[in-house]
Amino acid sequence: MPSFKLIEIAETKQRLQSEKAILVDTRDAQSYAADHAPGAFNLNNETLPVFMDKIDVDTPVFVVCYHGNSSKGVAQYLAEQGYKDTYSVEGGMAMWRQLFPLGSE
């Protein structure tokens, strides 16, 4: 069975800058609207068909949530849908904000 991998925030940010990859933010629309990492795609039940239509299964996918817990389930789901290089970002947006304050990027 396909599976996801865990990844730290600093490596995620570096890979997003150096290769064709996508960051998906699974938080609710209100939290996403309030703040999110630049270029993040807000993935939820309504946007999933758009995501799967637009993002090739060979594209590395980094999944971020609030604290790095629910992103694991979403990353696993995407791996099971055929995405070959899928990650759950450890620490979530709470940790991302501490390491890389939004608006300073």
PDB file of N, CA and C in Angstrom:
ATOM      1  N   MET A   1       0.848  -1.192   0.000  1.00  0.00           N
ATOM      2  CA  MET A   1       0.000   0.000   0.000  1.00  0.00           C
ATOM      3  C   MET A   1       0.890   1.250   0.000  1.00  0.00           C
ATOM      4  N   PRO A   2       0.595   2.201  -0.882  1.00  0.00           N
ATOM      5  CA  PRO A   2       1.393   3.439  -0.906  1.00  0.00           C
ATOM      6  C   PRO A   2       1.262   4.179   0.420  1.00  0.00           C
ATOM      7  N   SER A   3       2.304   4.905   0.758  1.00  0.00           N
ATOM      8  CA  SER A   3       2.287   5.639   2.012  1.00  0.00           C
ATOM      9  C   SER A   3       2.993   6.981   1.855  1.00  0.00           C
ATOM     10  N   PHE A   4       2.739   7.868   2.798  1.00  0.00           N
ATOM     11  CA  PHE A   4       3.373   9.183   2.834  1.00  0.00           C
ATOM     12  C   PHE A   4       4.623   9.121   3.713  1.00  0.00           C
ATOM     13  N   LYS A   5       5.394  10.211   3.676  1.00  0.00           N
ATOM     14  CA  LYS A   5       6.562  10.356   4.537  1.00  0.00           C
ATOM     15  C   LYS A   5       6.386  11.607   5.389  1.00  0.00           C
ATOM     16  N   LEU A   6       7.086  11.677   6.504  1.00  0.00           N
ATOM     17  CA  LEU A   6       7.103  12.882   7.330  1.00  0.00           C
ATOM     18  C   LEU A   6       8.246  13.771   6.854  1.00  0.00           C
ATOM     19  N   ILE A   7       8.048  15.078   6.966  1.00  0.00           N
ATOM     20  CA  ILE A   7       9.085  16.018   6.556  1.00  0.00           C
ATOM     21  C   ILE A   7       9.064  17.221   7.489  1.00  0.00           C
ATOM     22  N   GLU A   8      10.239  17.766   7.770  1.00  0.00           N
ATOM     23  CA  GLU A   8      10.335  18.960   8.619  1.00  0.00           C
ATOM     24  C   GLU A   8      10.064  20.207   7.791  1.00  0.00           C
ATOM     25  N   ILE A   9       9.676  21.261   8.469  1.00  0.00           N
ATOM     26  CA  ILE A   9       9.282  22.508   7.813  1.00  0.00           C
ATOM     27  C   ILE A   9      10.419  23.125   7.009  1.00  0.00           C
ATOM     28  N   ALA A  10      11.617  23.184   7.562  1.00  0.00           N
ATOM     29  CA  ALA A  10      12.736  23.805   6.851  1.00  0.00           C
ATOM     30  C   ALA A  10      13.018  23.079   5.531  1.00  0.00           C
ATOM     31  N   GLU A  11      12.977  21.745   5.552  1.00  0.00           N
ATOM     32  CA  GLU A  11      13.197  20.989   4.316  1.00  0.00           C
ATOM     33  C   GLU A  11      12.046  21.206   3.343  1.00  0.00           C
ATOM     34  N   THR A  12      10.831  21.288   3.861  1.00  0.00           N
ATOM     35  CA  THR A  12       9.673  21.562   3.003  1.00  0.00           C
ATOM     36  C   THR A  12       9.864  22.877   2.278  1.00  0.00           C
ATOM     37  N   LYS A  13      10.194  23.907   3.032  1.00  0.00           N
ATOM     38  CA  LYS A  13      10.350  25.239   2.441  1.00  0.00           C
ATOM     39  C   LYS A  13      11.459  25.242   1.386  1.00  0.00           C
ATOM     40  N   GLN A  14      12.560  24.573   1.687  1.00  0.00           N
ATOM     41  CA  GLN A  14      13.682  24.496   0.743  1.00  0.00           C
ATOM     42  C   GLN A  14      13.261  23.775  -0.538  1.00  0.00           C
ATOM     43  N   ARG A  15      12.562  22.663  -0.402  1.00  0.00           N
ATOM     44  CA  ARG A  15      12.139  21.897  -1.581  1.00  0.00           C
ATOM     45  C   ARG A  15      11.111  22.663  -2.397  1.00  0.00           C
ATOM     46  N   LEU A  16      10.218  23.395  -1.749  1.00  0.00           N
ATOM     47  CA  LEU A  16       9.233  24.192  -2.484  1.00  0.00           C
ATOM     48  C   LEU A  16       9.922  25.264  -3.320  1.00  0.00           C
ATOM     49  N   GLN A  17      11.054  25.770  -2.837  1.00  0.00           N
ATOM     50  CA  GLN A  17      11.784  26.806  -3.559  1.00  0.00           C
ATOM     51  C   GLN A  17      12.666  26.241  -4.662  1.00  0.00           C
ATOM     52  N   SER A  18      13.057  24.969  -4.556  1.00  0.00           N
ATOM     53  CA  SER A  18      14.035  24.436  -5.497  1.00  0.00           C
ATOM     54  C   SER A  18      13.480  23.446  -6.515  1.00  0.00           C
ATOM     55  N   GLU A  19      12.234  23.054  -6.386  1.00  0.00           N
ATOM     56  CA  GLU A  19      11.672  22.096  -7.337  1.00  0.00           C
ATOM     57  C   GLU A  19      10.196  22.380  -7.561  1.00  0.00           C
ATOM     58  N   LYS A  20       9.661  21.747  -8.592  1.00  0.00           N
ATOM     59  CA  LYS A  20       8.229  21.901  -8.876  1.00  0.00           C
ATOM     60  C   LYS A  20       7.472  21.014  -7.894  1.00  0.00           C
ATOM     61  N   ALA A  21       6.894  21.607  -6.900  1.00  0.00           N
ATOM     62  CA  ALA A  21       6.168  20.896  -5.845  1.00  0.00           C
ATOM     63  C   ALA A  21       5.012  21.784  -5.416  1.00  0.00           C
ATOM     64  N   ILE A  22       4.113  21.213  -4.598  1.00  0.00           N
ATOM     65  CA  ILE A  22       2.969  21.999  -4.127  1.00  0.00           C
ATOM     66  C   ILE A  22       2.770  21.782  -2.630  1.00  0.00           C
ATOM     67  N   LEU A  23       2.420  22.871  -1.962  1.00  0.00           N
ATOM     68  CA  LEU A  23       2.051  22.830  -0.548  1.00  0.00           C
ATOM     69  C   LEU A  23       0.534  22.909  -0.479  1.00  0.00           C
ATOM     70  N   VAL A  24      -0.074  21.938   0.203  1.00  0.00           N
ATOM     71  CA  VAL A  24      -1.521  21.995   0.399  1.00  0.00           C
ATOM     72  C   VAL A  24      -1.816  22.234   1.872  1.00  0.00           C
ATOM     73  N   ASP A  25      -2.691  23.161   2.124  1.00  0.00           N
ATOM     74  CA  ASP A  25      -3.080  23.573   3.475  1.00  0.00           C
ATOM     75  C   ASP A  25      -4.489  23.029   3.710  1.00  0.00           C
ATOM     76  N   THR A  26      -4.624  22.125   4.678  1.00  0.00           N
ATOM     77  CA  THR A  26      -5.912  21.464   4.910  1.00  0.00           C
ATOM     78  C   THR A  26      -6.749  22.130   6.001  1.00  0.00           C
ATOM     79  N   ARG A  27      -6.308  23.276   6.477  1.00  0.00           N
ATOM     80  CA  ARG A  27      -7.095  23.959   7.503  1.00  0.00           C
ATOM     81  C   ARG A  27      -8.390  24.508   6.901  1.00  0.00           C
ATOM     82  N   ASP A  28      -9.331  24.855   7.771  1.00  0.00           N
ATOM     83  CA  ASP A  28     -10.606  25.383   7.288  1.00  0.00           C
ATOM     84  C   ASP A  28     -10.379  26.690   6.517  1.00  0.00           C
ATOM     85  N   ALA A  29     -11.350  27.030   5.677  1.00  0.00           N
ATOM     86  CA  ALA A  29     -11.219  28.183   4.781  1.00  0.00           C
ATOM     87  C   ALA A  29     -10.962  29.483   5.535  1.00  0.00           C
ATOM     88  N   GLN A  30     -11.573  29.651   6.710  1.00  0.00           N
ATOM     89  CA  GLN A  30     -11.382  30.880   7.482  1.00  0.00           C
ATOM     90  C   GLN A  30      -9.943  30.989   7.982  1.00  0.00           C
ATOM     91  N   SER A  31      -9.384  29.909   8.488  1.00  0.00           N
ATOM     92  CA  SER A  31      -7.989  29.918   8.954  1.00  0.00           C
ATOM     93  C   SER A  31      -7.030  30.146   7.788  1.00  0.00           C
ATOM     94  N   TYR A  32      -7.303  29.482   6.664  1.00  0.00           N
ATOM     95  CA  TYR A  32      -6.487  29.658   5.468  1.00  0.00           C
ATOM     96  C   TYR A  32      -6.536  31.115   5.004  1.00  0.00           C
ATOM     97  N   ALA A  33      -7.729  31.708   4.995  1.00  0.00           N
ATOM     98  CA  ALA A  33      -7.874  33.091   4.554  1.00  0.00           C
ATOM     99  C   ALA A  33      -7.129  34.056   5.479  1.00  0.00           C
ATOM    100  N   ALA A  34      -7.093  33.736   6.770  1.00  0.00           N
ATOM    101  CA  ALA A  34      -6.427  34.609   7.744  1.00  0.00           C
ATOM    102  C   ALA A  34      -4.910  34.610   7.551  1.00  0.00           C
ATOM    103  N   ASP A  35      -4.333  33.457   7.255  1.00  0.00           N
ATOM    104  CA  ASP A  35      -2.899  33.371   6.976  1.00  0.00           C
ATOM    105  C   ASP A  35      -2.564  32.000   6.406  1.00  0.00           C
ATOM    106  N   HIS A  36      -1.660  31.999   5.476  1.00  0.00           N
ATOM    107  CA  HIS A  36      -1.166  30.748   4.903  1.00  0.00           C
ATOM    108  C   HIS A  36       0.186  31.007   4.251  1.00  0.00           C
ATOM    109  N   ALA A  37       0.923  29.937   4.070  1.00  0.00           N
ATOM    110  CA  ALA A  37       2.223  30.057   3.415  1.00  0.00           C
ATOM    111  C   ALA A  37       2.014  30.457   1.956  1.00  0.00           C
ATOM    112  N   PRO A  38       2.913  31.268   1.420  1.00  0.00           N
ATOM    113  CA  PRO A  38       2.772  31.705   0.031  1.00  0.00           C
ATOM    114  C   PRO A  38       2.644  30.523  -0.936  1.00  0.00           C
ATOM    115  N   GLY A  39       1.669  30.606  -1.830  1.00  0.00           N
ATOM    116  CA  GLY A  39       1.475  29.586  -2.838  1.00  0.00           C
ATOM    117  C   GLY A  39       0.720  28.347  -2.389  1.00  0.00           C
ATOM    118  N   ALA A  40       0.312  28.291  -1.126  1.00  0.00           N
ATOM    119  CA  ALA A  40      -0.378  27.103  -0.616  1.00  0.00           C
ATOM    120  C   ALA A  40      -1.767  26.976  -1.241  1.00  0.00           C
ATOM    121  N   PHE A  41      -2.150  25.749  -1.530  1.00  0.00           N
ATOM    122  CA  PHE A  41      -3.475  25.431  -2.068  1.00  0.00           C
ATOM    123  C   PHE A  41      -4.349  24.965  -0.913  1.00  0.00           C
ATOM    124  N   ASN A  42      -5.517  25.591  -0.735  1.00  0.00           N
ATOM    125  CA  ASN A  42      -6.416  25.199   0.352  1.00  0.00           C
ATOM    126  C   ASN A  42      -7.204  23.965  -0.076  1.00  0.00           C
ATOM    127  N   LEU A  43      -6.799  22.810   0.453  1.00  0.00           N
ATOM    128  CA  LEU A  43      -7.405  21.535   0.079  1.00  0.00           C
ATOM    129  C   LEU A  43      -8.484  21.138   1.072  1.00  0.00           C
ATOM    130  N   ASN A  44      -9.692  20.944   0.556  1.00  0.00           N
ATOM    131  CA  ASN A  44     -10.805  20.469   1.373  1.00  0.00           C
ATOM    132  C   ASN A  44     -11.713  19.632   0.471  1.00  0.00           C
ATOM    133  N   ASN A  45     -12.819  19.166   0.983  1.00  0.00           N
ATOM    134  CA  ASN A  45     -13.697  18.304   0.189  1.00  0.00           C
ATOM    135  C   ASN A  45     -14.181  18.990  -1.093  1.00  0.00           C
ATOM    136  N   GLU A  46     -14.409  20.296  -1.035  1.00  0.00           N
ATOM    137  CA  GLU A  46     -14.895  21.011  -2.209  1.00  0.00           C
ATOM    138  C   GLU A  46     -13.798  21.232  -3.242  1.00  0.00           C
ATOM    139  N   THR A  47     -12.552  21.449  -2.813  1.00  0.00           N
ATOM    140  CA  THR A  47     -11.467  21.744  -3.749  1.00  0.00           C
ATOM    141  C   THR A  47     -10.692  20.505  -4.187  1.00  0.00           C
ATOM    142  N   LEU A  48     -10.976  19.357  -3.588  1.00  0.00           N
ATOM    143  CA  LEU A  48     -10.259  18.127  -3.939  1.00  0.00           C
ATOM    144  C   LEU A  48     -10.362  17.778  -5.425  1.00  0.00           C
ATOM    145  N   PRO A  49     -11.557  17.831  -6.035  1.00  0.00           N
ATOM    146  CA  PRO A  49     -11.616  17.506  -7.477  1.00  0.00           C
ATOM    147  C   PRO A  49     -10.749  18.441  -8.333  1.00  0.00           C
ATOM    148  N   VAL A  50     -10.718  19.727  -7.994  1.00  0.00           N
ATOM    149  CA  VAL A  50      -9.895  20.691  -8.730  1.00  0.00           C
ATOM    150  C   VAL A  50      -8.422  20.326  -8.562  1.00  0.00           C
ATOM    151  N   PHE A  51      -8.032  20.032  -7.326  1.00  0.00           N
ATOM    152  CA  PHE A  51      -6.647  19.653  -7.044  1.00  0.00           C
ATOM    153  C   PHE A  51      -6.248  18.430  -7.862  1.00  0.00           C
ATOM    154  N   MET A  52      -7.075  17.395  -7.825  1.00  0.00           N
ATOM    155  CA  MET A  52      -6.732  16.149  -8.505  1.00  0.00           C
ATOM    156  C   MET A  52      -6.739  16.311 -10.022  1.00  0.00           C
ATOM    157  N   ASP A  53      -7.516  17.240 -10.520  1.00  0.00           N
ATOM    158  CA  ASP A  53      -7.549  17.513 -11.952  1.00  0.00           C
ATOM    159  C   ASP A  53      -6.319  18.290 -12.408  1.00  0.00           C
ATOM    160  N   LYS A  54      -5.835  19.209 -11.556  1.00  0.00           N
ATOM    161  CA  LYS A  54      -4.752  20.114 -11.945  1.00  0.00           C
ATOM    162  C   LYS A  54      -3.360  19.622 -11.571  1.00  0.00           C
ATOM    163  N   ILE A  55      -3.238  18.846 -10.506  1.00  0.00           N
ATOM    164  CA  ILE A  55      -1.910  18.477 -10.000  1.00  0.00           C
ATOM    165  C   ILE A  55      -1.569  17.050 -10.420  1.00  0.00           C
ATOM    166  N   ASP A  56      -0.507  16.922 -11.177  1.00  0.00           N
ATOM    167  CA  ASP A  56      -0.052  15.626 -11.668  1.00  0.00           C
ATOM    168  C   ASP A  56       0.426  14.749 -10.511  1.00  0.00           C
ATOM    169  N   VAL A  57       0.206  13.444 -10.623  1.00  0.00           N
ATOM    170  CA  VAL A  57       0.574  12.512  -9.546  1.00  0.00           C
ATOM    171  C   VAL A  57       2.082  12.434  -9.329  1.00  0.00           C
ATOM    172  N   ASP A  58       2.882  12.921 -10.273  1.00  0.00           N
ATOM    173  CA  ASP A  58       4.338  12.924 -10.104  1.00  0.00           C
ATOM    174  C   ASP A  58       4.843  14.156  -9.356  1.00  0.00           C
ATOM    175  N   THR A  59       3.963  15.125  -9.105  1.00  0.00           N
ATOM    176  CA  THR A  59       4.343  16.347  -8.387  1.00  0.00           C
ATOM    177  C   THR A  59       4.472  16.046  -6.896  1.00  0.00           C
ATOM    178  N   PRO A  60       5.611  16.396  -6.273  1.00  0.00           N
ATOM    179  CA  PRO A  60       5.705  16.234  -4.818  1.00  0.00           C
ATOM    180  C   PRO A  60       4.649  17.090  -4.119  1.00  0.00           C
ATOM    181  N   VAL A  61       3.953  16.481  -3.137  1.00  0.00           N
ATOM    182  CA  VAL A  61       2.868  17.155  -2.423  1.00  0.00           C
ATOM    183  C   VAL A  61       3.218  17.203  -0.934  1.00  0.00           C
ATOM    184  N   PHE A  62       3.237  18.410  -0.375  1.00  0.00           N
ATOM    185  CA  PHE A  62       3.510  18.621   1.042  1.00  0.00           C
ATOM    186  C   PHE A  62       2.210  19.073   1.704  1.00  0.00           C
ATOM    187  N   VAL A  63       1.734  18.324   2.681  1.00  0.00           N
ATOM    188  CA  VAL A  63       0.450  18.594   3.316  1.00  0.00           C
ATOM    189  C   VAL A  63       0.685  19.206   4.692  1.00  0.00           C
ATOM    190  N   VAL A  64       0.077  20.372   4.933  1.00  0.00           N
ATOM    191  CA  VAL A  64       0.202  21.054   6.217  1.00  0.00           C
ATOM    192  C   VAL A  64      -1.193  21.285   6.793  1.00  0.00           C
ATOM    193  N   CYS A  65      -1.302  21.187   8.120  1.00  0.00           N
ATOM    194  CA  CYS A  65      -2.570  21.427   8.812  1.00  0.00           C
ATOM    195  C   CYS A  65      -2.280  22.376   9.972  1.00  0.00           C
ATOM    196  N   TYR A  66      -3.030  22.275  11.041  1.00  0.00           N
ATOM    197  CA  TYR A  66      -2.821  23.143  12.203  1.00  0.00           C
ATOM    198  C   TYR A  66      -1.536  22.802  12.961  1.00  0.00           C
ATOM    199  N   HIS A  67      -1.394  21.520  13.367  1.00  0.00           N
ATOM    200  CA  HIS A  67      -0.266  21.120  14.215  1.00  0.00           C
ATOM    201  C   HIS A  67       0.491  19.898  13.709  1.00  0.00           C
ATOM    202  N   GLY A  68       0.158  19.407  12.524  1.00  0.00           N
ATOM    203  CA  GLY A  68       0.870  18.269  11.956  1.00  0.00           C
ATOM    204  C   GLY A  68       0.253  16.924  12.255  1.00  0.00           C
ATOM    205  N   ASN A  69      -1.005  16.903  12.694  1.00  0.00           N
ATOM    206  CA  ASN A  69      -1.670  15.631  12.977  1.00  0.00           C
ATOM    207  C   ASN A  69      -2.615  15.216  11.853  1.00  0.00           C
ATOM    208  N   SER A  70      -3.614  16.039  11.547  1.00  0.00           N
ATOM    209  CA  SER A  70      -4.587  15.653  10.525  1.00  0.00           C
ATOM    210  C   SER A  70      -3.973  15.621   9.129  1.00  0.00           C
ATOM    211  N   SER A  71      -2.857  16.303   8.944  1.00  0.00           N
ATOM    212  CA  SER A  71      -2.192  16.267   7.636  1.00  0.00           C
ATOM    213  C   SER A  71      -1.729  14.850   7.293  1.00  0.00           C
ATOM    214  N   LYS A  72      -1.480  14.036   8.289  1.00  0.00           N
ATOM    215  CA  LYS A  72      -1.038  12.651   8.038  1.00  0.00           C
ATOM    216  C   LYS A  72      -2.127  11.865   7.315  1.00  0.00           C
ATOM    217  N   GLY A  73      -3.361  12.014   7.746  1.00  0.00           N
ATOM    218  CA  GLY A  73      -4.462  11.309   7.097  1.00  0.00           C
ATOM    219  C   GLY A  73      -4.664  11.780   5.668  1.00  0.00           C
ATOM    220  N   VAL A  74      -4.550  13.076   5.452  1.00  0.00           N
ATOM    221  CA  VAL A  74      -4.720  13.625   4.105  1.00  0.00           C
ATOM    222  C   VAL A  74      -3.562  13.171   3.209  1.00  0.00           C
ATOM    223  N   ALA A  75      -2.347  13.203   3.732  1.00  0.00           N
ATOM    224  CA  ALA A  75      -1.191  12.749   2.955  1.00  0.00           C
ATOM    225  C   ALA A  75      -1.342  11.275   2.579  1.00  0.00           C
ATOM    226  N   GLN A  76      -1.820  10.470   3.516  1.00  0.00           N
ATOM    227  CA  GLN A  76      -2.037   9.053   3.239  1.00  0.00           C
ATOM    228  C   GLN A  76      -3.111   8.877   2.157  1.00  0.00           C
ATOM    229  N   TYR A  77      -4.187   9.628   2.258  1.00  0.00           N
ATOM    230  CA  TYR A  77      -5.247   9.562   1.259  1.00  0.00           C
ATOM    231  C   TYR A  77      -4.700   9.897  -0.126  1.00  0.00           C
ATOM    232  N   LEU A  78      -3.912  10.976  -0.226  1.00  0.00           N
ATOM    233  CA  LEU A  78      -3.359  11.376  -1.518  1.00  0.00           C
ATOM    234  C   LEU A  78      -2.415  10.310  -2.061  1.00  0.00           C
ATOM    235  N   ALA A  79      -1.621   9.697  -1.190  1.00  0.00           N
ATOM    236  CA  ALA A  79      -0.738   8.601  -1.620  1.00  0.00           C
ATOM    237  C   ALA A  79      -1.569   7.451  -2.185  1.00  0.00           C
ATOM    238  N   GLU A  80      -2.663   7.144  -1.532  1.00  0.00           N
ATOM    239  CA  GLU A  80      -3.539   6.063  -1.995  1.00  0.00           C
ATOM    240  C   GLU A  80      -4.245   6.407  -3.308  1.00  0.00           C
ATOM    241  N   GLN A  81      -4.360   7.702  -3.612  1.00  0.00           N
ATOM    242  CA  GLN A  81      -4.965   8.132  -4.869  1.00  0.00           C
ATOM    243  C   GLN A  81      -3.939   8.145  -6.011  1.00  0.00           C
ATOM    244  N   GLY A  82      -2.694   7.794  -5.704  1.00  0.00           N
ATOM    245  CA  GLY A  82      -1.676   7.691  -6.747  1.00  0.00           C
ATOM    246  C   GLY A  82      -0.589   8.739  -6.712  1.00  0.00           C
ATOM    247  N   TYR A  83      -0.668   9.705  -5.795  1.00  0.00           N
ATOM    248  CA  TYR A  83       0.405  10.699  -5.696  1.00  0.00           C
ATOM    249  C   TYR A  83       1.636   9.993  -5.139  1.00  0.00           C
ATOM    250  N   LYS A  84       2.727  10.058  -5.904  1.00  0.00           N
ATOM    251  CA  LYS A  84       3.887   9.204  -5.646  1.00  0.00           C
ATOM    252  C   LYS A  84       4.848   9.754  -4.596  1.00  0.00           C
ATOM    253  N   ASP A  85       4.849  11.050  -4.361  1.00  0.00           N
ATOM    254  CA  ASP A  85       5.826  11.686  -3.473  1.00  0.00           C
ATOM    255  C   ASP A  85       5.055  12.606  -2.518  1.00  0.00           C
ATOM    256  N   THR A  86       4.482  12.018  -1.468  1.00  0.00           N
ATOM    257  CA  THR A  86       3.542  12.725  -0.594  1.00  0.00           C
ATOM    258  C   THR A  86       4.100  12.808   0.822  1.00  0.00           C
ATOM    259  N   TYR A  87       3.985  13.991   1.443  1.00  0.00           N
ATOM    260  CA  TYR A  87       4.561  14.246   2.755  1.00  0.00           C
ATOM    261  C   TYR A  87       3.555  14.914   3.685  1.00  0.00           C
ATOM    262  N   SER A  88       3.688  14.627   4.968  1.00  0.00           N
ATOM    263  CA  SER A  88       2.983  15.356   6.016  1.00  0.00           C
ATOM    264  C   SER A  88       4.019  16.248   6.694  1.00  0.00           C
ATOM    265  N   VAL A  89       3.723  17.541   6.757  1.00  0.00           N
ATOM    266  CA  VAL A  89       4.666  18.508   7.328  1.00  0.00           C
ATOM    267  C   VAL A  89       4.539  18.508   8.848  1.00  0.00           C
ATOM    268  N   GLU A  90       5.623  18.141   9.523  1.00  0.00           N
ATOM    269  CA  GLU A  90       5.618  18.047  10.978  1.00  0.00           C
ATOM    270  C   GLU A  90       5.511  19.432  11.614  1.00  0.00           C
ATOM    271  N   GLY A  91       4.662  19.545  12.632  1.00  0.00           N
ATOM    272  CA  GLY A  91       4.500  20.802  13.356  1.00  0.00           C
ATOM    273  C   GLY A  91       3.405  21.703  12.827  1.00  0.00           C
ATOM    274  N   GLY A  92       2.973  21.475  11.589  1.00  0.00           N
ATOM    275  CA  GLY A  92       1.880  22.238  11.006  1.00  0.00           C
ATOM    276  C   GLY A  92       2.149  23.733  10.913  1.00  0.00           C
ATOM    277  N   MET A  93       1.073  24.469  10.667  1.00  0.00           N
ATOM    278  CA  MET A  93       1.197  25.927  10.526  1.00  0.00           C
ATOM    279  C   MET A  93       1.587  26.603  11.832  1.00  0.00           C
ATOM    280  N   ALA A  94       1.267  26.003  12.953  1.00  0.00           N
ATOM    281  CA  ALA A  94       1.682  26.593  14.232  1.00  0.00           C
ATOM    282  C   ALA A  94       3.211  26.687  14.287  1.00  0.00           C
ATOM    283  N   MET A  95       3.884  25.616  13.919  1.00  0.00           N
ATOM    284  CA  MET A  95       5.343  25.606  13.915  1.00  0.00           C
ATOM    285  C   MET A  95       5.893  26.419  12.754  1.00  0.00           C
ATOM    286  N   TRP A  96       5.232  26.370  11.604  1.00  0.00           N
ATOM    287  CA  TRP A  96       5.679  27.135  10.435  1.00  0.00           C
ATOM    288  C   TRP A  96       5.761  28.616  10.791  1.00  0.00           C
ATOM    289  N   ARG A  97       4.704  29.131  11.465  1.00  0.00           N
ATOM    290  CA  ARG A  97       4.681  30.549  11.853  1.00  0.00           C
ATOM    291  C   ARG A  97       5.838  30.898  12.788  1.00  0.00           C
ATOM    292  N   GLN A  98       6.202  29.969  13.676  1.00  0.00           N
ATOM    293  CA  GLN A  98       7.313  30.228  14.606  1.00  0.00           C
ATOM    294  C   GLN A  98       8.645  30.297  13.862  1.00  0.00           C
ATOM    295  N   LEU A  99       8.852  29.382  12.915  1.00  0.00           N
ATOM    296  CA  LEU A  99      10.111  29.327  12.189  1.00  0.00           C
ATOM    297  C   LEU A  99      10.209  30.376  11.100  1.00  0.00           C
ATOM    298  N   PHE A 100       9.109  30.607  10.405  1.00  0.00           N
ATOM    299  CA  PHE A 100       9.061  31.539   9.281  1.00  0.00           C
ATOM    300  C   PHE A 100       7.824  32.405   9.411  1.00  0.00           C
ATOM    301  N   PRO A 101       7.905  33.488  10.198  1.00  0.00           N
ATOM    302  CA  PRO A 101       6.719  34.348  10.368  1.00  0.00           C
ATOM    303  C   PRO A 101       6.128  34.757   9.024  1.00  0.00           C
ATOM    304  N   LEU A 102       4.838  34.571   8.879  1.00  0.00           N
ATOM    305  CA  LEU A 102       4.174  34.885   7.618  1.00  0.00           C
ATOM    306  C   LEU A 102       4.229  36.380   7.369  1.00  0.00           C
ATOM    307  N   GLY A 103       4.442  36.731   6.129  1.00  0.00           N
ATOM    308  CA  GLY A 103       4.588  38.141   5.768  1.00  0.00           C
ATOM    309  C   GLY A 103       6.050  38.546   5.688  1.00  0.00           C
ATOM    310  N   SER A 104       6.962  37.693   6.226  1.00  0.00           N
ATOM    311  CA  SER A 104       8.386  38.019   6.165  1.00  0.00           C
ATOM    312  C   SER A 104       9.082  37.221   5.071  1.00  0.00           C
ATOM    313  N   GLU A 105       8.291  36.508   4.280  1.00  0.00           N
ATOM    314  CA  GLU A 105       8.884  35.608   3.282  1.00  0.00           C
ATOM    315  C   GLU A 105       9.036  36.296   1.942  1.00  0.00           C
TER     316      GLU A 105
END
